[in-house]
């Protein structure tokens, strides 16, 4: 995991001296090249849960799906949004197809996928699809609010700095245990699809459209 993908942490350890000159420049260039070639998930962030027997299919595209009869209900996810409003996700979006994006302002892949979520959220709203975020591992709200403003995010995010909401997902469910993670919840409040990687517009639509089409 690259340093850019780690959640912010405080530390009192002194930094060891690193070699300068050409060796350092070569190392930095190699790290930058790897980051540019592959946007990987930022990591688990200490999240757990959702292990055990599963009834979902993991696709080669990184999207896992569950048949209607095998889906687990979305757990109770409530708290304060980044702007201080109370939000109970299951209650607020009852009967809707819901996209939940788990993100952190410190996470480079989250920043890369944000414009795609903004565009698709506006596009799908007319079809009854709602979006909501869960902001996690941001010790302060300020950077997360700046992230939302910079990307003009049109939907709210629940502030979950310690990742406690992730621990509420049942064993064997399509739980979000990496950052970024994205879930699609069906109209019955059950988790239909999950990915634990950053999404482009095409893959995001690929997750949403089959659930919208369900009767």
N, C-alpha and C. Protein backbone atom coordinates (compact mmCIF):
# COMPACT_ATOMS: atom_id res chain seq x y z
N UNK A 1 0.85 -1.19 0.00
CA UNK A 1 0.00 0.00 0.00
C UNK A 1 0.88 1.23 0.00
N UNK A 2 0.65 2.17 -0.88
CA UNK A 2 1.46 3.38 -0.92
C UNK A 2 1.08 4.31 0.21
N UNK A 3 2.01 5.21 0.56
CA UNK A 3 1.74 6.14 1.66
C UNK A 3 0.53 6.99 1.36
N UNK A 4 0.28 7.31 0.09
CA UNK A 4 -0.84 8.17 -0.29
C UNK A 4 -2.17 7.53 0.02
N UNK A 5 -2.20 6.20 0.16
CA UNK A 5 -3.45 5.50 0.38
C UNK A 5 -3.70 5.16 1.84
N UNK A 6 -2.78 5.52 2.74
CA UNK A 6 -2.99 5.22 4.14
C UNK A 6 -3.83 6.29 4.80
N UNK A 7 -4.68 5.88 5.75
CA UNK A 7 -5.44 6.85 6.51
C UNK A 7 -4.49 7.69 7.34
N UNK A 8 -4.84 8.96 7.59
CA UNK A 8 -3.96 9.82 8.37
C UNK A 8 -3.81 9.30 9.79
N UNK A 9 -2.60 9.29 10.28
CA UNK A 9 -2.32 8.83 11.63
C UNK A 9 -1.32 9.77 12.26
N UNK A 10 -1.44 9.97 13.56
CA UNK A 10 -0.44 10.76 14.27
C UNK A 10 0.66 9.85 14.76
N UNK A 11 1.87 10.34 14.78
CA UNK A 11 3.01 9.53 15.23
C UNK A 11 4.06 10.43 15.83
N UNK A 12 4.77 9.91 16.84
CA UNK A 12 5.85 10.64 17.47
C UNK A 12 7.21 10.10 17.08
N UNK A 13 7.23 9.09 16.24
CA UNK A 13 8.50 8.50 15.85
C UNK A 13 9.26 9.46 14.94
N UNK A 14 10.55 9.58 15.17
CA UNK A 14 11.36 10.41 14.29
C UNK A 14 11.61 9.68 13.00
N UNK A 15 11.72 10.43 11.90
CA UNK A 15 11.94 9.84 10.60
C UNK A 15 13.42 9.57 10.39
N UNK A 16 13.71 8.39 9.89
CA UNK A 16 15.09 8.06 9.60
C UNK A 16 15.54 8.81 8.35
N UNK A 17 16.84 9.08 8.30
CA UNK A 17 17.38 9.80 7.15
C UNK A 17 17.41 8.88 5.94
N UNK A 18 17.04 9.40 4.81
CA UNK A 18 17.00 8.62 3.58
C UNK A 18 18.11 9.10 2.65
N UNK A 19 18.62 8.19 1.81
CA UNK A 19 19.68 8.60 0.89
C UNK A 19 19.17 9.66 -0.08
N UNK A 20 20.02 10.64 -0.39
CA UNK A 20 19.62 11.71 -1.29
C UNK A 20 20.10 11.43 -2.69
N UNK A 21 20.08 12.49 -3.54
CA UNK A 21 20.65 12.38 -4.87
C UNK A 21 19.86 11.51 -5.80
N UNK A 22 20.58 10.90 -6.72
CA UNK A 22 19.95 10.14 -7.81
C UNK A 22 19.16 8.95 -7.30
N UNK A 23 19.66 8.25 -6.25
CA UNK A 23 18.95 7.09 -5.73
C UNK A 23 17.56 7.45 -5.24
N UNK A 24 17.46 8.57 -4.51
CA UNK A 24 16.15 9.02 -4.01
C UNK A 24 15.23 9.40 -5.16
N UNK A 25 15.78 10.10 -6.15
CA UNK A 25 14.96 10.50 -7.30
C UNK A 25 14.43 9.30 -8.05
N UNK A 26 15.26 8.27 -8.18
CA UNK A 26 14.84 7.05 -8.88
C UNK A 26 13.72 6.35 -8.12
N UNK A 27 13.87 6.29 -6.78
CA UNK A 27 12.84 5.65 -5.95
C UNK A 27 11.51 6.38 -6.07
N UNK A 28 11.56 7.72 -5.99
CA UNK A 28 10.32 8.50 -6.09
C UNK A 28 9.67 8.33 -7.45
N UNK A 29 10.46 8.27 -8.50
CA UNK A 29 9.92 8.09 -9.84
C UNK A 29 9.24 6.74 -9.97
N UNK A 30 9.84 5.71 -9.36
CA UNK A 30 9.25 4.36 -9.43
C UNK A 30 7.93 4.31 -8.70
N UNK A 31 7.89 4.94 -7.51
CA UNK A 31 6.64 4.97 -6.75
C UNK A 31 5.55 5.70 -7.52
N UNK A 32 5.90 6.83 -8.14
CA UNK A 32 4.92 7.61 -8.92
C UNK A 32 4.40 6.81 -10.10
N UNK A 33 5.29 6.05 -10.73
CA UNK A 33 4.88 5.26 -11.89
C UNK A 33 3.89 4.18 -11.50
N UNK A 34 4.15 3.51 -10.37
CA UNK A 34 3.23 2.47 -9.90
C UNK A 34 1.87 3.07 -9.58
N UNK A 35 1.88 4.24 -8.90
CA UNK A 35 0.61 4.89 -8.55
C UNK A 35 -0.18 5.29 -9.78
N UNK A 36 0.52 5.72 -10.82
CA UNK A 36 -0.17 6.16 -12.04
C UNK A 36 -0.74 4.99 -12.82
N UNK A 37 -0.06 3.84 -12.76
CA UNK A 37 -0.51 2.69 -13.55
C UNK A 37 -1.70 1.98 -12.94
N UNK A 38 -1.84 2.02 -11.61
CA UNK A 38 -2.91 1.25 -10.98
C UNK A 38 -3.48 2.00 -9.79
N UNK A 39 -4.79 2.27 -9.82
CA UNK A 39 -5.46 2.85 -8.68
C UNK A 39 -6.04 1.70 -7.87
N UNK A 40 -5.40 1.34 -6.80
CA UNK A 40 -5.88 0.23 -5.99
C UNK A 40 -6.62 0.77 -4.79
N UNK A 41 -7.37 -0.09 -4.11
CA UNK A 41 -8.09 0.33 -2.92
C UNK A 41 -7.11 0.79 -1.87
N UNK A 42 -7.52 1.78 -1.07
CA UNK A 42 -6.63 2.36 -0.07
C UNK A 42 -6.38 1.41 1.08
N UNK A 43 -7.21 0.40 1.26
CA UNK A 43 -6.97 -0.57 2.32
C UNK A 43 -8.17 -0.69 3.22
N UNK A 44 -8.05 -1.60 4.16
CA UNK A 44 -9.18 -1.93 5.02
C UNK A 44 -9.45 -0.88 6.08
N UNK A 45 -8.43 -0.13 6.45
CA UNK A 45 -8.64 0.88 7.48
C UNK A 45 -9.05 0.28 8.81
N UNK A 46 -8.69 -0.97 9.05
CA UNK A 46 -9.00 -1.62 10.31
C UNK A 46 -10.42 -2.12 10.40
N UNK A 47 -11.10 -2.26 9.28
CA UNK A 47 -12.48 -2.72 9.29
C UNK A 47 -12.54 -4.23 9.30
N UNK A 48 -13.63 -4.75 9.82
CA UNK A 48 -13.81 -6.21 9.85
C UNK A 48 -15.28 -6.51 9.71
N UNK A 49 -15.62 -7.81 9.86
CA UNK A 49 -17.02 -8.22 9.73
C UNK A 49 -17.31 -8.74 8.35
N UNK A 50 -18.46 -9.41 8.21
CA UNK A 50 -18.88 -9.90 6.91
C UNK A 50 -18.22 -11.19 6.49
N UNK A 51 -17.46 -11.84 7.38
CA UNK A 51 -16.84 -13.10 7.01
C UNK A 51 -17.83 -14.24 7.21
N UNK A 52 -17.42 -15.45 6.87
CA UNK A 52 -18.30 -16.59 7.03
C UNK A 52 -18.87 -17.04 5.71
N UNK A 53 -19.93 -17.85 5.76
CA UNK A 53 -20.54 -18.38 4.54
C UNK A 53 -21.14 -17.25 3.72
N UNK A 54 -20.91 -17.32 2.41
CA UNK A 54 -21.41 -16.27 1.53
C UNK A 54 -22.23 -16.88 0.40
N UNK A 55 -23.15 -16.09 -0.12
CA UNK A 55 -23.98 -16.52 -1.24
C UNK A 55 -23.94 -15.47 -2.34
N UNK A 56 -22.75 -14.97 -2.61
CA UNK A 56 -22.63 -13.99 -3.68
C UNK A 56 -21.55 -14.44 -4.65
N UNK A 57 -21.59 -13.85 -5.84
CA UNK A 57 -20.67 -14.21 -6.91
C UNK A 57 -19.74 -13.04 -7.17
N UNK A 58 -18.44 -13.29 -7.11
CA UNK A 58 -17.45 -12.26 -7.38
C UNK A 58 -17.08 -12.30 -8.85
N UNK A 59 -17.40 -11.24 -9.59
CA UNK A 59 -17.12 -11.19 -11.01
C UNK A 59 -15.67 -10.83 -11.30
N UNK A 60 -15.23 -11.12 -12.50
CA UNK A 60 -13.86 -10.79 -12.92
C UNK A 60 -13.64 -9.29 -12.99
N UNK A 61 -14.72 -8.52 -13.05
CA UNK A 61 -14.62 -7.07 -13.11
C UNK A 61 -14.50 -6.44 -11.72
N UNK A 62 -14.42 -7.29 -10.68
CA UNK A 62 -14.29 -6.78 -9.33
C UNK A 62 -15.62 -6.45 -8.67
N UNK A 63 -16.73 -6.73 -9.35
CA UNK A 63 -18.05 -6.47 -8.80
C UNK A 63 -18.66 -7.78 -8.33
N UNK A 64 -19.02 -7.85 -7.06
CA UNK A 64 -19.68 -9.03 -6.50
C UNK A 64 -21.18 -8.77 -6.43
N UNK A 65 -21.97 -9.77 -6.79
CA UNK A 65 -23.42 -9.62 -6.81
C UNK A 65 -24.09 -10.77 -6.07
N UNK A 66 -25.31 -10.54 -5.60
CA UNK A 66 -26.09 -11.57 -4.92
C UNK A 66 -27.47 -11.65 -5.56
N UNK A 67 -27.97 -12.87 -5.73
CA UNK A 67 -29.32 -13.05 -6.22
C UNK A 67 -30.33 -12.56 -5.18
N UNK A 68 -31.51 -12.22 -5.63
CA UNK A 68 -32.50 -11.61 -4.74
C UNK A 68 -32.74 -12.44 -3.49
N UNK A 69 -32.83 -13.78 -3.65
CA UNK A 69 -33.12 -14.63 -2.51
C UNK A 69 -31.96 -14.80 -1.54
N UNK A 70 -30.78 -14.40 -1.95
CA UNK A 70 -29.59 -14.58 -1.12
C UNK A 70 -29.07 -13.29 -0.49
N UNK A 71 -29.76 -12.21 -0.70
CA UNK A 71 -29.26 -10.91 -0.23
C UNK A 71 -29.49 -10.70 1.25
N UNK A 72 -28.56 -9.99 1.87
CA UNK A 72 -28.66 -9.63 3.28
C UNK A 72 -29.17 -8.20 3.41
N UNK A 73 -29.94 -7.96 4.46
CA UNK A 73 -30.48 -6.62 4.69
C UNK A 73 -29.38 -5.65 5.09
N UNK A 74 -29.52 -4.43 4.65
CA UNK A 74 -28.61 -3.37 5.06
C UNK A 74 -28.77 -3.16 6.57
N UNK A 75 -27.67 -3.12 7.31
CA UNK A 75 -27.79 -2.89 8.76
C UNK A 75 -28.19 -1.45 9.05
N UNK A 76 -28.47 -1.18 10.30
CA UNK A 76 -28.80 0.18 10.71
C UNK A 76 -27.55 1.06 10.57
N UNK A 77 -27.65 2.06 9.74
CA UNK A 77 -26.53 2.98 9.50
C UNK A 77 -27.03 4.39 9.75
N UNK A 78 -26.71 4.92 10.89
CA UNK A 78 -27.19 6.26 11.23
C UNK A 78 -26.09 7.07 11.89
N UNK A 79 -26.28 8.35 11.89
CA UNK A 79 -25.30 9.23 12.49
C UNK A 79 -25.48 10.64 11.99
N UNK A 80 -24.44 11.45 12.14
CA UNK A 80 -24.47 12.83 11.66
C UNK A 80 -23.78 12.93 10.32
N UNK A 81 -24.36 13.73 9.44
CA UNK A 81 -23.70 14.01 8.18
C UNK A 81 -22.53 14.97 8.43
N UNK A 82 -21.72 15.16 7.42
CA UNK A 82 -20.58 16.06 7.56
C UNK A 82 -20.99 17.48 7.94
N UNK A 83 -22.20 17.89 7.53
CA UNK A 83 -22.67 19.23 7.89
C UNK A 83 -23.55 19.24 9.13
N UNK A 84 -23.51 18.13 9.90
CA UNK A 84 -24.13 18.12 11.23
C UNK A 84 -25.58 17.73 11.30
N UNK A 85 -26.16 17.23 10.23
CA UNK A 85 -27.57 16.82 10.25
C UNK A 85 -27.68 15.33 10.58
N UNK A 86 -28.75 14.95 11.24
CA UNK A 86 -28.98 13.55 11.58
C UNK A 86 -29.46 12.81 10.33
N UNK A 87 -28.98 11.59 10.14
CA UNK A 87 -29.40 10.80 8.98
C UNK A 87 -29.43 9.33 9.34
N UNK A 88 -30.59 8.72 9.14
CA UNK A 88 -30.74 7.27 9.23
C UNK A 88 -30.89 6.78 7.80
N UNK A 89 -29.86 6.11 7.28
CA UNK A 89 -29.81 5.79 5.86
C UNK A 89 -30.96 4.90 5.42
N UNK A 90 -31.21 3.82 6.14
CA UNK A 90 -32.26 2.88 5.74
C UNK A 90 -33.62 3.55 5.73
N UNK A 91 -33.88 4.39 6.72
CA UNK A 91 -35.18 5.05 6.82
C UNK A 91 -35.33 6.14 5.76
N UNK A 92 -34.29 6.91 5.54
CA UNK A 92 -34.36 8.04 4.62
C UNK A 92 -34.54 7.60 3.17
N UNK A 93 -34.01 6.43 2.83
CA UNK A 93 -34.03 5.98 1.43
C UNK A 93 -34.86 4.71 1.24
N UNK A 94 -35.82 4.50 2.12
CA UNK A 94 -36.67 3.32 2.04
C UNK A 94 -37.40 3.27 0.70
N UNK A 95 -37.38 2.11 0.05
CA UNK A 95 -38.07 1.93 -1.21
C UNK A 95 -37.31 2.41 -2.42
N UNK A 96 -36.10 2.92 -2.22
CA UNK A 96 -35.28 3.43 -3.31
C UNK A 96 -34.12 2.47 -3.62
N UNK A 97 -33.65 2.51 -4.85
CA UNK A 97 -32.36 1.91 -5.15
C UNK A 97 -31.31 2.89 -4.63
N UNK A 98 -30.40 2.39 -3.81
CA UNK A 98 -29.46 3.26 -3.11
C UNK A 98 -28.02 2.84 -3.39
N UNK A 99 -27.18 3.81 -3.70
CA UNK A 99 -25.75 3.59 -3.88
C UNK A 99 -25.03 4.20 -2.68
N UNK A 100 -24.24 3.37 -1.99
CA UNK A 100 -23.48 3.82 -0.82
C UNK A 100 -22.00 3.76 -1.16
N UNK A 101 -21.34 4.90 -1.04
CA UNK A 101 -19.91 4.98 -1.33
C UNK A 101 -19.14 5.28 -0.04
N UNK A 102 -18.20 4.40 0.31
CA UNK A 102 -17.35 4.59 1.48
C UNK A 102 -16.05 5.25 1.03
N UNK A 103 -15.71 6.38 1.62
CA UNK A 103 -14.58 7.16 1.11
C UNK A 103 -13.88 7.92 2.22
N UNK A 104 -12.69 8.38 1.90
CA UNK A 104 -11.95 9.27 2.79
C UNK A 104 -11.28 10.34 1.96
N UNK A 105 -11.17 11.54 2.50
CA UNK A 105 -10.56 12.63 1.75
C UNK A 105 -9.07 12.39 1.51
N UNK A 106 -8.45 11.56 2.33
CA UNK A 106 -7.03 11.23 2.25
C UNK A 106 -6.72 10.16 1.21
N UNK A 107 -7.75 9.55 0.64
CA UNK A 107 -7.62 8.37 -0.24
C UNK A 107 -7.56 8.81 -1.70
N UNK A 108 -6.41 8.57 -2.35
CA UNK A 108 -6.23 8.99 -3.74
C UNK A 108 -7.23 8.36 -4.70
N UNK A 109 -7.52 7.03 -4.62
CA UNK A 109 -8.55 6.46 -5.49
C UNK A 109 -9.93 7.07 -5.27
N UNK A 110 -10.23 7.48 -4.03
CA UNK A 110 -11.51 8.14 -3.76
C UNK A 110 -11.60 9.47 -4.51
N UNK A 111 -10.50 10.20 -4.52
CA UNK A 111 -10.48 11.46 -5.26
C UNK A 111 -10.63 11.21 -6.76
N UNK A 112 -10.03 10.12 -7.25
CA UNK A 112 -10.09 9.83 -8.69
C UNK A 112 -11.51 9.46 -9.13
N UNK A 113 -12.25 8.74 -8.28
CA UNK A 113 -13.58 8.28 -8.69
C UNK A 113 -14.68 9.29 -8.40
N UNK A 114 -14.41 10.30 -7.59
CA UNK A 114 -15.44 11.24 -7.17
C UNK A 114 -16.19 11.90 -8.33
N UNK A 115 -15.50 12.39 -9.38
CA UNK A 115 -16.25 13.00 -10.49
C UNK A 115 -17.20 12.02 -11.17
N UNK A 116 -16.86 10.74 -11.20
CA UNK A 116 -17.73 9.74 -11.81
C UNK A 116 -19.00 9.56 -10.98
N UNK A 117 -18.86 9.57 -9.67
CA UNK A 117 -20.03 9.43 -8.80
C UNK A 117 -20.93 10.64 -8.92
N UNK A 118 -20.35 11.81 -8.97
CA UNK A 118 -21.14 13.04 -9.09
C UNK A 118 -21.95 13.02 -10.38
N UNK A 119 -21.33 12.65 -11.48
CA UNK A 119 -22.02 12.64 -12.78
C UNK A 119 -23.13 11.60 -12.82
N UNK A 120 -22.83 10.38 -12.36
CA UNK A 120 -23.83 9.31 -12.42
C UNK A 120 -24.96 9.55 -11.43
N UNK A 121 -24.66 10.13 -10.27
CA UNK A 121 -25.70 10.44 -9.29
C UNK A 121 -26.72 11.40 -9.87
N UNK A 122 -26.25 12.43 -10.56
CA UNK A 122 -27.17 13.39 -11.19
C UNK A 122 -27.97 12.73 -12.30
N UNK A 123 -27.31 11.87 -13.05
CA UNK A 123 -27.94 11.19 -14.18
C UNK A 123 -29.04 10.22 -13.74
N UNK A 124 -28.81 9.50 -12.63
CA UNK A 124 -29.72 8.43 -12.20
C UNK A 124 -30.83 8.90 -11.27
N UNK A 125 -30.74 10.10 -10.78
CA UNK A 125 -31.74 10.57 -9.81
C UNK A 125 -33.15 10.53 -10.40
N UNK A 126 -33.29 10.85 -11.67
CA UNK A 126 -34.60 10.84 -12.32
C UNK A 126 -35.20 9.44 -12.39
N UNK A 127 -34.35 8.42 -12.25
CA UNK A 127 -34.82 7.04 -12.27
C UNK A 127 -35.02 6.47 -10.87
N UNK A 128 -35.01 7.35 -9.88
CA UNK A 128 -35.28 6.93 -8.51
C UNK A 128 -34.09 6.37 -7.78
N UNK A 129 -32.89 6.62 -8.28
CA UNK A 129 -31.68 6.12 -7.62
C UNK A 129 -31.11 7.23 -6.74
N UNK A 130 -30.83 6.90 -5.49
CA UNK A 130 -30.25 7.86 -4.56
C UNK A 130 -28.81 7.45 -4.22
N UNK A 131 -28.00 8.43 -3.89
CA UNK A 131 -26.62 8.20 -3.50
C UNK A 131 -26.42 8.76 -2.09
N UNK A 132 -25.55 8.10 -1.33
CA UNK A 132 -25.14 8.59 -0.02
C UNK A 132 -23.71 8.12 0.23
N UNK A 133 -22.96 8.92 0.94
CA UNK A 133 -21.59 8.55 1.27
C UNK A 133 -21.44 8.19 2.73
N UNK A 134 -20.39 7.44 3.03
CA UNK A 134 -19.94 7.24 4.40
C UNK A 134 -18.48 7.68 4.42
N UNK A 135 -18.22 8.79 5.06
CA UNK A 135 -16.85 9.31 5.14
C UNK A 135 -16.18 8.70 6.37
N UNK A 136 -15.04 8.06 6.17
CA UNK A 136 -14.39 7.36 7.27
C UNK A 136 -12.90 7.64 7.31
N UNK A 137 -12.34 7.49 8.52
CA UNK A 137 -10.91 7.65 8.78
C UNK A 137 -10.41 9.08 8.55
N UNK A 138 -11.32 10.03 8.51
CA UNK A 138 -10.92 11.44 8.50
C UNK A 138 -11.02 11.95 9.94
N UNK A 139 -9.91 12.22 10.62
CA UNK A 139 -9.97 12.64 12.02
C UNK A 139 -10.75 13.94 12.24
N UNK A 140 -10.75 14.81 11.25
CA UNK A 140 -11.48 16.08 11.32
C UNK A 140 -12.42 16.20 10.12
N UNK A 141 -13.49 16.95 10.29
CA UNK A 141 -14.46 17.11 9.21
C UNK A 141 -13.98 18.04 8.11
N UNK A 142 -13.09 18.96 8.46
CA UNK A 142 -12.67 19.98 7.52
C UNK A 142 -12.20 19.46 6.17
N UNK A 143 -11.25 18.51 6.13
CA UNK A 143 -10.77 17.99 4.85
C UNK A 143 -11.88 17.30 4.05
N UNK A 144 -12.78 16.61 4.75
CA UNK A 144 -13.87 15.93 4.06
C UNK A 144 -14.85 16.93 3.45
N UNK A 145 -15.15 18.00 4.19
CA UNK A 145 -16.03 19.04 3.66
C UNK A 145 -15.39 19.74 2.46
N UNK A 146 -14.09 19.94 2.54
CA UNK A 146 -13.38 20.55 1.41
C UNK A 146 -13.41 19.64 0.19
N UNK A 147 -13.31 18.33 0.41
CA UNK A 147 -13.42 17.34 -0.66
C UNK A 147 -14.78 17.46 -1.35
N UNK A 148 -15.84 17.49 -0.56
CA UNK A 148 -17.19 17.59 -1.13
C UNK A 148 -17.38 18.88 -1.91
N UNK A 149 -16.84 19.97 -1.38
CA UNK A 149 -16.98 21.26 -2.07
C UNK A 149 -16.19 21.27 -3.38
N UNK A 150 -14.98 20.72 -3.34
CA UNK A 150 -14.13 20.72 -4.53
C UNK A 150 -14.76 19.91 -5.67
N UNK A 151 -15.42 18.80 -5.32
CA UNK A 151 -16.00 17.93 -6.33
C UNK A 151 -17.49 18.20 -6.56
N UNK A 152 -18.04 19.16 -5.83
CA UNK A 152 -19.46 19.53 -5.96
C UNK A 152 -20.36 18.30 -5.78
N UNK A 153 -20.12 17.57 -4.71
CA UNK A 153 -20.87 16.35 -4.42
C UNK A 153 -22.31 16.74 -4.05
N UNK A 154 -23.32 16.20 -4.75
CA UNK A 154 -24.69 16.65 -4.53
C UNK A 154 -25.46 15.85 -3.47
N UNK A 155 -24.83 14.86 -2.87
CA UNK A 155 -25.51 14.00 -1.89
C UNK A 155 -24.76 14.04 -0.56
N UNK A 156 -25.44 13.67 0.54
CA UNK A 156 -24.81 13.76 1.86
C UNK A 156 -23.90 12.58 2.16
N UNK A 157 -23.04 12.76 3.15
CA UNK A 157 -22.21 11.68 3.67
C UNK A 157 -22.30 11.66 5.19
N UNK A 158 -22.48 10.47 5.74
CA UNK A 158 -22.43 10.30 7.18
C UNK A 158 -20.97 10.31 7.62
N UNK A 159 -20.67 11.03 8.68
CA UNK A 159 -19.31 11.14 9.19
C UNK A 159 -19.04 9.98 10.15
N UNK A 160 -18.09 9.13 9.81
CA UNK A 160 -17.79 7.91 10.58
C UNK A 160 -16.26 7.80 10.75
N UNK A 161 -15.67 8.66 11.57
CA UNK A 161 -14.21 8.75 11.62
C UNK A 161 -13.51 7.49 12.10
N UNK A 162 -14.17 6.68 12.91
CA UNK A 162 -13.53 5.48 13.46
C UNK A 162 -13.90 4.20 12.71
N UNK A 163 -14.79 4.29 11.74
CA UNK A 163 -15.19 3.10 10.99
C UNK A 163 -16.16 2.20 11.70
N UNK A 164 -16.87 2.71 12.71
CA UNK A 164 -17.77 1.86 13.50
C UNK A 164 -18.97 1.36 12.69
N UNK A 165 -19.41 2.13 11.70
CA UNK A 165 -20.56 1.70 10.91
C UNK A 165 -20.24 0.44 10.10
N UNK A 166 -18.99 0.30 9.68
CA UNK A 166 -18.59 -0.87 8.90
C UNK A 166 -18.70 -2.16 9.69
N UNK A 167 -18.61 -2.05 11.03
CA UNK A 167 -18.67 -3.23 11.88
C UNK A 167 -20.09 -3.74 12.07
N UNK A 168 -21.07 -2.99 11.60
CA UNK A 168 -22.48 -3.39 11.78
C UNK A 168 -22.97 -4.36 10.71
N UNK A 169 -22.18 -4.58 9.66
CA UNK A 169 -22.62 -5.44 8.58
C UNK A 169 -22.59 -6.91 9.02
N UNK A 170 -23.63 -7.68 8.67
CA UNK A 170 -23.72 -9.07 9.12
C UNK A 170 -22.70 -9.98 8.46
N UNK A 171 -22.39 -11.07 9.12
CA UNK A 171 -21.48 -12.07 8.57
C UNK A 171 -22.04 -12.63 7.26
N UNK A 172 -21.16 -12.79 6.29
CA UNK A 172 -21.58 -13.36 5.02
C UNK A 172 -22.24 -12.37 4.08
N UNK A 173 -22.30 -11.10 4.48
CA UNK A 173 -22.92 -10.11 3.61
C UNK A 173 -21.88 -9.49 2.69
N UNK A 174 -22.36 -8.73 1.73
CA UNK A 174 -21.46 -7.97 0.86
C UNK A 174 -21.05 -6.71 1.62
N UNK A 175 -20.18 -6.88 2.59
CA UNK A 175 -19.82 -5.75 3.44
C UNK A 175 -18.68 -4.93 2.85
N UNK A 176 -18.67 -3.64 3.11
CA UNK A 176 -17.58 -2.78 2.61
C UNK A 176 -16.42 -2.80 3.59
N UNK A 177 -15.37 -3.55 3.30
CA UNK A 177 -14.25 -3.64 4.23
C UNK A 177 -12.96 -3.09 3.64
N UNK A 178 -13.08 -2.21 2.66
CA UNK A 178 -11.93 -1.50 2.11
C UNK A 178 -12.36 -0.09 1.75
N UNK A 179 -11.39 0.77 1.53
CA UNK A 179 -11.66 2.15 1.15
C UNK A 179 -10.93 2.43 -0.16
N UNK A 180 -11.64 2.78 -1.24
CA UNK A 180 -13.09 2.95 -1.32
C UNK A 180 -13.83 1.63 -1.48
N UNK A 181 -15.07 1.61 -1.06
CA UNK A 181 -15.99 0.53 -1.35
C UNK A 181 -17.32 1.14 -1.79
N UNK A 182 -18.05 0.41 -2.62
CA UNK A 182 -19.35 0.88 -3.08
C UNK A 182 -20.35 -0.26 -3.01
N UNK A 183 -21.53 0.04 -2.48
CA UNK A 183 -22.63 -0.92 -2.40
C UNK A 183 -23.81 -0.40 -3.21
N UNK A 184 -24.58 -1.33 -3.78
CA UNK A 184 -25.88 -0.99 -4.36
C UNK A 184 -26.93 -1.76 -3.58
N UNK A 185 -27.90 -1.03 -3.04
CA UNK A 185 -28.97 -1.60 -2.21
C UNK A 185 -30.26 -1.58 -3.01
N UNK A 186 -31.00 -2.71 -2.99
CA UNK A 186 -32.23 -2.78 -3.77
C UNK A 186 -33.39 -2.09 -3.06
N UNK A 187 -34.55 -2.08 -3.71
CA UNK A 187 -35.71 -1.36 -3.17
C UNK A 187 -36.25 -1.98 -1.89
N UNK A 188 -35.85 -3.23 -1.60
CA UNK A 188 -36.26 -3.90 -0.37
C UNK A 188 -35.26 -3.68 0.76
N UNK A 189 -34.27 -2.84 0.52
CA UNK A 189 -33.29 -2.55 1.56
C UNK A 189 -32.24 -3.63 1.74
N UNK A 190 -32.00 -4.42 0.68
CA UNK A 190 -31.01 -5.50 0.76
C UNK A 190 -29.85 -5.22 -0.19
N UNK A 191 -28.67 -5.70 0.20
CA UNK A 191 -27.45 -5.40 -0.54
C UNK A 191 -27.36 -6.30 -1.76
N UNK A 192 -27.38 -5.69 -2.94
CA UNK A 192 -27.40 -6.44 -4.20
C UNK A 192 -26.03 -6.56 -4.84
N UNK A 193 -25.16 -5.59 -4.62
CA UNK A 193 -23.85 -5.60 -5.28
C UNK A 193 -22.84 -4.83 -4.47
N UNK A 194 -21.56 -5.20 -4.65
CA UNK A 194 -20.49 -4.53 -3.95
C UNK A 194 -19.21 -4.55 -4.79
N UNK A 195 -18.44 -3.49 -4.69
CA UNK A 195 -17.08 -3.51 -5.21
C UNK A 195 -16.17 -2.83 -4.20
N UNK A 196 -14.91 -3.25 -4.20
CA UNK A 196 -13.93 -2.69 -3.27
C UNK A 196 -12.76 -2.10 -4.06
N UNK A 197 -13.13 -1.39 -5.10
CA UNK A 197 -12.14 -0.75 -5.96
C UNK A 197 -12.73 0.56 -6.47
N UNK A 198 -11.90 1.50 -6.92
CA UNK A 198 -12.44 2.73 -7.50
C UNK A 198 -13.17 2.43 -8.80
N UNK A 199 -14.20 3.21 -9.08
CA UNK A 199 -15.07 2.94 -10.23
C UNK A 199 -15.03 4.06 -11.25
N UNK A 200 -15.03 3.67 -12.53
CA UNK A 200 -15.29 4.63 -13.58
C UNK A 200 -16.80 4.68 -13.83
N UNK A 201 -17.24 5.55 -14.70
CA UNK A 201 -18.68 5.70 -14.94
C UNK A 201 -19.31 4.41 -15.44
N UNK A 202 -18.64 3.71 -16.35
CA UNK A 202 -19.21 2.50 -16.95
C UNK A 202 -19.44 1.42 -15.91
N UNK A 203 -18.47 1.21 -15.03
CA UNK A 203 -18.62 0.17 -14.02
C UNK A 203 -19.67 0.55 -12.98
N UNK A 204 -19.76 1.82 -12.67
CA UNK A 204 -20.78 2.27 -11.72
C UNK A 204 -22.18 2.02 -12.30
N UNK A 205 -22.36 2.37 -13.55
CA UNK A 205 -23.66 2.08 -14.19
C UNK A 205 -23.93 0.58 -14.25
N UNK A 206 -22.89 -0.20 -14.49
CA UNK A 206 -23.03 -1.66 -14.57
C UNK A 206 -23.53 -2.24 -13.25
N UNK A 207 -23.14 -1.63 -12.14
CA UNK A 207 -23.63 -2.06 -10.83
C UNK A 207 -25.08 -1.66 -10.60
N UNK A 208 -25.42 -0.46 -11.04
CA UNK A 208 -26.72 0.11 -10.72
C UNK A 208 -27.85 -0.41 -11.61
N UNK A 209 -27.61 -0.45 -12.91
CA UNK A 209 -28.69 -0.67 -13.87
C UNK A 209 -29.47 -1.98 -13.66
N UNK A 210 -28.81 -3.12 -13.39
CA UNK A 210 -29.59 -4.35 -13.18
C UNK A 210 -30.53 -4.26 -11.97
N UNK A 211 -30.13 -3.53 -10.95
CA UNK A 211 -30.97 -3.40 -9.76
C UNK A 211 -32.15 -2.47 -10.05
N UNK A 212 -31.91 -1.42 -10.82
CA UNK A 212 -33.00 -0.52 -11.23
C UNK A 212 -34.03 -1.28 -12.06
N UNK A 213 -33.56 -2.22 -12.89
CA UNK A 213 -34.45 -2.95 -13.79
C UNK A 213 -35.29 -4.01 -13.09
N UNK A 214 -34.96 -4.34 -11.85
CA UNK A 214 -35.71 -5.38 -11.12
C UNK A 214 -37.14 -4.95 -10.84
N UNK A 215 -38.03 -5.89 -10.89
CA UNK A 215 -39.43 -5.63 -10.60
C UNK A 215 -39.82 -6.16 -9.22
